[in-house]
Amino acid sequence: LHNSLGEGAYSAVYKVQRLTDGKLYALKRVKILNLNEKEKENALNEIRILASLRHPNVILYKEAFWEEKSKSLW
């Protein structure tokens, strides 16, 4: 199950169902290949911030991973 939730210049967000637990998640794909060094750093900072957030109105960050084939950060 995956549906596009939104798309920007360098990223897209999908609604996905994780195979290991069957739960629904928002999955963001950042196309790193097209980013300059500052934009790459900003993408990594976004991951760090999301991983550290603890707020009742924010769904928790689960994980990030690199896909070599597409040169994308997920």
C-alpha atoms as a PDB file:
ATOM      1  CA  LEU A   1       0.000   0.000   0.000  1.00  0.00           C
ATOM      2  CA  HIS A   2       1.479   3.366  -0.980  1.00  0.00           C
ATOM      3  CA  ASN A   3      -0.131   6.653  -1.935  1.00  0.00           C
ATOM      4  CA  SER A   4       1.565   9.937  -2.699  1.00  0.00           C
ATOM      5  CA  LEU A   5       0.828  12.540  -0.005  1.00  0.00           C
ATOM      6  CA  GLY A   6       2.867  15.377  -1.482  1.00  0.00           C
ATOM      7  CA  GLU A   7       5.900  16.298  -3.518  1.00  0.00           C
ATOM      8  CA  GLY A   8       8.488  19.069  -3.573  1.00  0.00           C
ATOM      9  CA  ALA A   9      11.489  19.934  -5.713  1.00  0.00           C
ATOM     10  CA  TYR A  10      13.782  17.367  -4.060  1.00  0.00           C
ATOM     11  CA  SER A  11      11.474  15.103  -2.094  1.00  0.00           C
ATOM     12  CA  ALA A  12       8.181  13.253  -2.037  1.00  0.00           C
ATOM     13  CA  VAL A  13       6.105  11.872   0.844  1.00  0.00           C
ATOM     14  CA  TYR A  14       4.146   8.635   0.623  1.00  0.00           C
ATOM     15  CA  LYS A  15       1.625   6.887   2.831  1.00  0.00           C
ATOM     16  CA  VAL A  16       2.973   3.338   3.204  1.00  0.00           C
ATOM     17  CA  GLN A  17       2.233   0.168   5.115  1.00  0.00           C
ATOM     18  CA  ARG A  18       5.285  -1.355   6.778  1.00  0.00           C
ATOM     19  CA  LEU A  19       5.572  -5.079   6.115  1.00  0.00           C
ATOM     20  CA  THR A  20       7.125  -5.954   9.485  1.00  0.00           C
ATOM     21  CA  ASP A  21       4.333  -4.522  11.649  1.00  0.00           C
ATOM     22  CA  GLY A  22       1.447  -3.787   9.260  1.00  0.00           C
ATOM     23  CA  LYS A  23       1.201  -0.173  10.509  1.00  0.00           C
ATOM     24  CA  LEU A  24       0.740   2.879   8.303  1.00  0.00           C
ATOM     25  CA  TYR A  25       3.541   5.436   8.055  1.00  0.00           C
ATOM     26  CA  ALA A  26       4.498   8.582   6.178  1.00  0.00           C
ATOM     27  CA  LEU A  27       7.676   7.855   4.202  1.00  0.00           C
ATOM     28  CA  LYS A  28       9.711  10.751   2.815  1.00  0.00           C
ATOM     29  CA  ARG A  29      12.117  10.210  -0.068  1.00  0.00           C
ATOM     30  CA  VAL A  30      14.871  12.812  -0.509  1.00  0.00           C
ATOM     31  CA  LYS A  31      16.700  12.633  -3.835  1.00  0.00           C
ATOM     32  CA  ILE A  32      20.209  13.330  -2.556  1.00  0.00           C
ATOM     33  CA  LEU A  33      21.865  13.151  -5.991  1.00  0.00           C
ATOM     34  CA  ASN A  34      20.294  16.480  -6.992  1.00  0.00           C
ATOM     35  CA  LEU A  35      21.247  18.350  -3.807  1.00  0.00           C
ATOM     36  CA  ASN A  36      24.192  20.639  -3.188  1.00  0.00           C
ATOM     37  CA  GLU A  37      26.270  20.212   0.004  1.00  0.00           C
ATOM     38  CA  LYS A  38      24.195  22.703   2.040  1.00  0.00           C
ATOM     39  CA  GLU A  39      20.938  21.015   1.024  1.00  0.00           C
ATOM     40  CA  LYS A  40      22.388  17.608   1.962  1.00  0.00           C
ATOM     41  CA  GLU A  41      23.330  18.945   5.377  1.00  0.00           C
ATOM     42  CA  ASN A  42      19.828  20.414   5.801  1.00  0.00           C
ATOM     43  CA  ALA A  43      18.278  17.020   4.961  1.00  0.00           C
ATOM     44  CA  LEU A  44      20.436  15.321   7.612  1.00  0.00           C
ATOM     45  CA  ASN A  45      19.589  18.032  10.152  1.00  0.00           C
ATOM     46  CA  GLU A  46      15.885  17.471   9.463  1.00  0.00           C
ATOM     47  CA  ILE A  47      16.342  13.788  10.309  1.00  0.00           C
ATOM     48  CA  ARG A  48      18.143  14.654  13.540  1.00  0.00           C
ATOM     49  CA  ILE A  49      15.391  17.083  14.555  1.00  0.00           C
ATOM     50  CA  LEU A  50      12.586  14.643  13.730  1.00  0.00           C
ATOM     51  CA  ALA A  51      14.349  11.879  15.665  1.00  0.00           C
ATOM     52  CA  SER A  52      14.582  14.085  18.762  1.00  0.00           C
ATOM     53  CA  LEU A  53      10.986  15.406  18.780  1.00  0.00           C
ATOM     54  CA  ARG A  54       8.663  14.264  21.543  1.00  0.00           C
ATOM     55  CA  HIS A  55       5.287  16.022  21.329  1.00  0.00           C
ATOM     56  CA  PRO A  56       1.691  14.705  21.521  1.00  0.00           C
ATOM     57  CA  ASN A  57       0.802  16.410  18.216  1.00  0.00           C
ATOM     58  CA  VAL A  58       3.747  14.935  16.298  1.00  0.00           C
ATOM     59  CA  ILE A  59       3.901  11.349  15.111  1.00  0.00           C
ATOM     60  CA  LEU A  60       7.205   9.829  16.152  1.00  0.00           C
ATOM     61  CA  TYR A  61      10.127   9.416  13.814  1.00  0.00           C
ATOM     62  CA  LYS A  62      10.823   5.734  13.159  1.00  0.00           C
ATOM     63  CA  GLU A  63      14.017   5.375  11.085  1.00  0.00           C
ATOM     64  CA  ALA A  64      16.003   6.543   8.068  1.00  0.00           C
ATOM     65  CA  PHE A  65      17.855   4.529   5.463  1.00  0.00           C
ATOM     66  CA  TRP A  66      19.908   5.033   2.310  1.00  0.00           C
ATOM     67  CA  GLU A  67      18.973   3.330  -0.959  1.00  0.00           C
ATOM     68  CA  GLU A  68      22.019   3.093  -3.211  1.00  0.00           C
ATOM     69  CA  LYS A  69      20.074   2.161  -6.363  1.00  0.00           C
ATOM     70  CA  SER A  70      18.050   5.391  -6.398  1.00  0.00           C
ATOM     71  CA  LYS A  71      20.628   7.503  -4.504  1.00  0.00           C
ATOM     72  CA  SER A  72      17.841   8.467  -2.119  1.00  0.00           C
ATOM     73  CA  LEU A  73      17.525   8.984   1.588  1.00  0.00           C
ATOM     74  CA  TRP A  74      14.294   7.513   2.925  1.00  0.00           C
END
